[in-house]
């Protein structure tokens, strides 16, 4: 996130800095979560070690929901879809 005009007020300057830091952390965690999901889908498609990948993805999703990176229902829905696909394969 780029700030075009830096605020003059000290607390507003701090808010900008903190927001940038938190945004970067959130992006990293969401990316990590998406990667775990993609790896699980790939392993299900290949049919190799899908149980381990599923377990790892579920753990990542639970952590993301607990920390507030995604909504708990979104995490539950994604976990359910992954488990359904794993059972089908």
N, C-alpha and C. Protein backbone atom coordinates (compact mmCIF):
# COMPACT_ATOMS: atom_id res chain seq x y z
N UNK A 1 0.85 -1.18 0.00
CA UNK A 1 0.00 0.00 0.00
C UNK A 1 0.88 1.23 0.00
N UNK A 2 0.60 2.10 -0.92
CA UNK A 2 1.40 3.31 -1.02
C UNK A 2 0.59 4.51 -0.56
N UNK A 3 1.21 5.34 0.26
CA UNK A 3 0.56 6.55 0.73
C UNK A 3 1.05 7.69 -0.13
N UNK A 4 0.11 8.38 -0.80
CA UNK A 4 0.51 9.46 -1.69
C UNK A 4 0.89 10.71 -0.92
N UNK A 5 0.15 10.99 0.14
CA UNK A 5 0.44 12.15 0.97
C UNK A 5 0.59 11.66 2.41
N UNK A 6 1.76 11.88 2.98
CA UNK A 6 1.99 11.45 4.36
C UNK A 6 1.26 12.41 5.31
N UNK A 7 0.55 11.88 6.27
CA UNK A 7 -0.17 12.75 7.21
C UNK A 7 0.79 13.55 8.09
N UNK A 8 0.27 14.63 8.63
CA UNK A 8 1.08 15.48 9.50
C UNK A 8 0.97 15.08 10.96
N UNK A 9 -0.15 14.51 11.32
CA UNK A 9 -0.40 14.16 12.72
C UNK A 9 0.36 12.88 13.06
N UNK A 10 1.01 12.91 14.23
CA UNK A 10 1.87 11.81 14.65
C UNK A 10 1.14 10.47 14.72
N UNK A 11 -0.04 10.46 15.29
CA UNK A 11 -0.79 9.20 15.44
C UNK A 11 -1.23 8.67 14.07
N UNK A 12 -1.54 9.59 13.14
CA UNK A 12 -1.95 9.17 11.80
C UNK A 12 -0.76 8.58 11.04
N UNK A 13 0.42 9.13 11.26
CA UNK A 13 1.64 8.60 10.64
C UNK A 13 1.88 7.18 11.14
N UNK A 14 1.70 6.98 12.45
CA UNK A 14 1.88 5.65 13.03
C UNK A 14 0.86 4.66 12.46
N UNK A 15 -0.39 5.10 12.31
CA UNK A 15 -1.43 4.24 11.77
C UNK A 15 -1.06 3.77 10.36
N UNK A 16 -0.51 4.68 9.56
CA UNK A 16 -0.11 4.33 8.19
C UNK A 16 0.97 3.26 8.22
N UNK A 17 1.97 3.44 9.09
CA UNK A 17 3.07 2.48 9.20
C UNK A 17 2.57 1.12 9.68
N UNK A 18 1.73 1.12 10.70
CA UNK A 18 1.21 -0.12 11.27
C UNK A 18 0.33 -0.85 10.24
N UNK A 19 -0.48 -0.08 9.52
CA UNK A 19 -1.36 -0.67 8.51
C UNK A 19 -0.54 -1.34 7.42
N UNK A 20 0.52 -0.69 6.97
CA UNK A 20 1.38 -1.27 5.94
C UNK A 20 2.00 -2.58 6.41
N UNK A 21 2.45 -2.59 7.66
CA UNK A 21 3.08 -3.78 8.24
C UNK A 21 2.07 -4.92 8.33
N UNK A 22 0.87 -4.62 8.82
CA UNK A 22 -0.16 -5.64 8.98
C UNK A 22 -0.64 -6.16 7.63
N UNK A 23 -0.74 -5.27 6.64
CA UNK A 23 -1.17 -5.66 5.30
C UNK A 23 -0.18 -6.65 4.71
N UNK A 24 1.11 -6.37 4.89
CA UNK A 24 2.15 -7.27 4.37
C UNK A 24 2.05 -8.64 5.03
N UNK A 25 1.85 -8.67 6.35
CA UNK A 25 1.74 -9.93 7.08
C UNK A 25 0.50 -10.71 6.64
N UNK A 26 -0.62 -10.00 6.46
CA UNK A 26 -1.86 -10.66 6.04
C UNK A 26 -1.71 -11.27 4.65
N UNK A 27 -1.06 -10.52 3.74
CA UNK A 27 -0.84 -11.03 2.39
C UNK A 27 0.00 -12.29 2.42
N UNK A 28 1.03 -12.29 3.26
CA UNK A 28 1.92 -13.44 3.36
C UNK A 28 1.15 -14.67 3.87
N UNK A 29 0.34 -14.48 4.90
CA UNK A 29 -0.40 -15.60 5.48
C UNK A 29 -1.45 -16.12 4.51
N UNK A 30 -2.13 -15.22 3.80
CA UNK A 30 -3.14 -15.66 2.84
C UNK A 30 -2.48 -16.42 1.69
N UNK A 31 -1.31 -15.96 1.28
CA UNK A 31 -0.57 -16.63 0.21
C UNK A 31 -0.16 -18.03 0.65
N UNK A 32 0.30 -18.14 1.89
CA UNK A 32 0.69 -19.43 2.47
C UNK A 32 -0.50 -20.39 2.48
N UNK A 33 -1.66 -19.86 2.83
CA UNK A 33 -2.87 -20.65 2.89
C UNK A 33 -3.26 -21.14 1.49
N UNK A 34 -3.24 -20.24 0.52
CA UNK A 34 -3.58 -20.60 -0.86
C UNK A 34 -2.64 -21.65 -1.41
N UNK A 35 -1.35 -21.52 -1.08
CA UNK A 35 -0.36 -22.49 -1.53
C UNK A 35 -0.67 -23.88 -0.97
N UNK A 36 -1.04 -23.95 0.30
CA UNK A 36 -1.37 -25.23 0.93
C UNK A 36 -2.58 -25.86 0.24
N UNK A 37 -3.56 -25.04 -0.10
CA UNK A 37 -4.76 -25.53 -0.77
C UNK A 37 -4.41 -26.06 -2.16
N UNK A 38 -3.57 -25.31 -2.90
CA UNK A 38 -3.17 -25.74 -4.24
C UNK A 38 -2.39 -27.05 -4.19
N UNK A 39 -1.50 -27.18 -3.20
CA UNK A 39 -0.73 -28.41 -3.06
C UNK A 39 -1.64 -29.59 -2.78
N UNK A 40 -2.64 -29.37 -1.95
CA UNK A 40 -3.59 -30.44 -1.62
C UNK A 40 -4.38 -30.86 -2.85
N UNK A 41 -4.87 -29.87 -3.61
CA UNK A 41 -5.62 -30.18 -4.82
C UNK A 41 -4.75 -30.94 -5.82
N UNK A 42 -3.50 -30.54 -5.92
CA UNK A 42 -2.58 -31.21 -6.85
C UNK A 42 -2.33 -32.66 -6.42
N UNK A 43 -2.14 -32.86 -5.11
CA UNK A 43 -1.87 -34.23 -4.63
C UNK A 43 -3.11 -35.11 -4.75
N UNK A 44 -4.29 -34.51 -4.63
CA UNK A 44 -5.53 -35.28 -4.81
C UNK A 44 -5.65 -35.69 -6.28
N UNK A 45 -5.33 -34.77 -7.18
CA UNK A 45 -5.40 -35.06 -8.61
C UNK A 45 -4.41 -36.16 -9.00
N UNK A 46 -3.22 -36.10 -8.41
CA UNK A 46 -2.20 -37.12 -8.69
C UNK A 46 -2.48 -38.43 -7.97
N UNK A 47 -3.11 -38.33 -6.82
CA UNK A 47 -3.40 -39.50 -6.01
C UNK A 47 -2.25 -39.91 -5.12
N UNK A 48 -1.36 -38.96 -4.80
CA UNK A 48 -0.21 -39.27 -3.95
C UNK A 48 -0.26 -38.46 -2.66
N UNK A 49 -0.14 -39.13 -1.56
CA UNK A 49 -0.06 -38.51 -0.23
C UNK A 49 -1.14 -37.45 0.00
N UNK A 50 -2.35 -37.71 -0.46
CA UNK A 50 -3.41 -36.72 -0.31
C UNK A 50 -3.83 -36.55 1.15
N UNK A 51 -3.70 -37.60 1.96
CA UNK A 51 -4.10 -37.51 3.37
C UNK A 51 -3.19 -36.54 4.13
N UNK A 52 -1.88 -36.64 3.88
CA UNK A 52 -0.94 -35.75 4.55
C UNK A 52 -1.14 -34.30 4.11
N UNK A 53 -1.33 -34.12 2.81
CA UNK A 53 -1.54 -32.77 2.27
C UNK A 53 -2.83 -32.17 2.79
N UNK A 54 -3.87 -33.00 2.88
CA UNK A 54 -5.16 -32.55 3.40
C UNK A 54 -5.03 -32.11 4.85
N UNK A 55 -4.34 -32.91 5.64
CA UNK A 55 -4.13 -32.59 7.05
C UNK A 55 -3.40 -31.26 7.21
N UNK A 56 -2.38 -31.06 6.39
CA UNK A 56 -1.59 -29.83 6.42
C UNK A 56 -2.44 -28.62 6.02
N UNK A 57 -3.25 -28.78 4.98
CA UNK A 57 -4.11 -27.69 4.52
C UNK A 57 -5.16 -27.34 5.57
N UNK A 58 -5.72 -28.36 6.20
CA UNK A 58 -6.72 -28.11 7.24
C UNK A 58 -6.12 -27.36 8.42
N UNK A 59 -4.91 -27.72 8.78
CA UNK A 59 -4.22 -27.04 9.87
C UNK A 59 -3.98 -25.57 9.52
N UNK A 60 -3.53 -25.33 8.29
CA UNK A 60 -3.27 -23.96 7.82
C UNK A 60 -4.55 -23.15 7.81
N UNK A 61 -5.64 -23.76 7.34
CA UNK A 61 -6.93 -23.06 7.29
C UNK A 61 -7.44 -22.75 8.69
N UNK A 62 -7.29 -23.69 9.62
CA UNK A 62 -7.72 -23.46 11.00
C UNK A 62 -6.95 -22.30 11.63
N UNK A 63 -5.65 -22.27 11.39
CA UNK A 63 -4.83 -21.19 11.93
C UNK A 63 -5.24 -19.85 11.33
N UNK A 64 -5.49 -19.82 10.03
CA UNK A 64 -5.89 -18.59 9.35
C UNK A 64 -7.22 -18.07 9.90
N UNK A 65 -8.13 -18.99 10.15
CA UNK A 65 -9.44 -18.60 10.70
C UNK A 65 -9.29 -18.11 12.14
N UNK A 66 -8.45 -18.77 12.91
CA UNK A 66 -8.24 -18.37 14.31
C UNK A 66 -7.62 -16.99 14.42
N UNK A 67 -6.71 -16.69 13.49
CA UNK A 67 -6.02 -15.39 13.51
C UNK A 67 -6.82 -14.29 12.84
N UNK A 68 -7.91 -14.69 12.15
CA UNK A 68 -8.77 -13.69 11.52
C UNK A 68 -8.38 -13.31 10.11
N UNK A 69 -7.53 -14.11 9.47
CA UNK A 69 -7.15 -13.82 8.09
C UNK A 69 -8.30 -14.11 7.15
N UNK A 70 -9.09 -15.15 7.48
CA UNK A 70 -10.30 -15.47 6.74
C UNK A 70 -11.40 -15.77 7.76
N UNK A 71 -12.64 -15.73 7.29
CA UNK A 71 -13.78 -16.02 8.17
C UNK A 71 -13.81 -17.51 8.49
N UNK A 72 -14.28 -17.84 9.68
CA UNK A 72 -14.29 -19.25 10.11
C UNK A 72 -15.17 -20.11 9.22
N UNK A 73 -16.27 -19.54 8.70
CA UNK A 73 -17.15 -20.30 7.82
C UNK A 73 -16.47 -20.55 6.46
N UNK A 74 -15.67 -19.60 6.00
CA UNK A 74 -14.94 -19.78 4.75
C UNK A 74 -13.92 -20.90 4.90
N UNK A 75 -13.27 -20.94 6.06
CA UNK A 75 -12.30 -22.00 6.34
C UNK A 75 -13.00 -23.36 6.39
N UNK A 76 -14.13 -23.41 7.05
CA UNK A 76 -14.89 -24.66 7.18
C UNK A 76 -15.37 -25.14 5.81
N UNK A 77 -15.83 -24.21 5.00
CA UNK A 77 -16.31 -24.55 3.65
C UNK A 77 -15.17 -25.11 2.79
N UNK A 78 -14.02 -24.46 2.84
CA UNK A 78 -12.87 -24.91 2.06
C UNK A 78 -12.39 -26.28 2.52
N UNK A 79 -12.32 -26.47 3.84
CA UNK A 79 -11.90 -27.77 4.40
C UNK A 79 -12.87 -28.87 3.96
N UNK A 80 -14.15 -28.56 3.99
CA UNK A 80 -15.16 -29.53 3.61
C UNK A 80 -15.01 -29.93 2.13
N UNK A 81 -14.79 -28.95 1.28
CA UNK A 81 -14.63 -29.22 -0.15
C UNK A 81 -13.38 -30.06 -0.42
N UNK A 82 -12.30 -29.74 0.28
CA UNK A 82 -11.06 -30.50 0.11
C UNK A 82 -11.26 -31.95 0.57
N UNK A 83 -11.91 -32.12 1.72
CA UNK A 83 -12.14 -33.47 2.26
C UNK A 83 -13.04 -34.27 1.33
N UNK A 84 -14.04 -33.63 0.80
CA UNK A 84 -14.97 -34.28 -0.13
C UNK A 84 -14.22 -34.74 -1.38
N UNK A 85 -13.33 -33.89 -1.89
CA UNK A 85 -12.56 -34.23 -3.09
C UNK A 85 -11.58 -35.37 -2.78
N UNK A 86 -10.99 -35.35 -1.58
CA UNK A 86 -10.05 -36.39 -1.20
C UNK A 86 -10.74 -37.74 -1.04
N UNK A 87 -11.95 -37.75 -0.49
CA UNK A 87 -12.70 -38.98 -0.30
C UNK A 87 -13.18 -39.55 -1.64
N UNK A 88 -13.47 -38.64 -2.56
CA UNK A 88 -13.94 -39.04 -3.87
C UNK A 88 -12.83 -39.73 -4.69
N UNK A 89 -11.60 -39.21 -4.51
CA UNK A 89 -10.47 -39.72 -5.30
C UNK A 89 -9.96 -41.06 -4.81
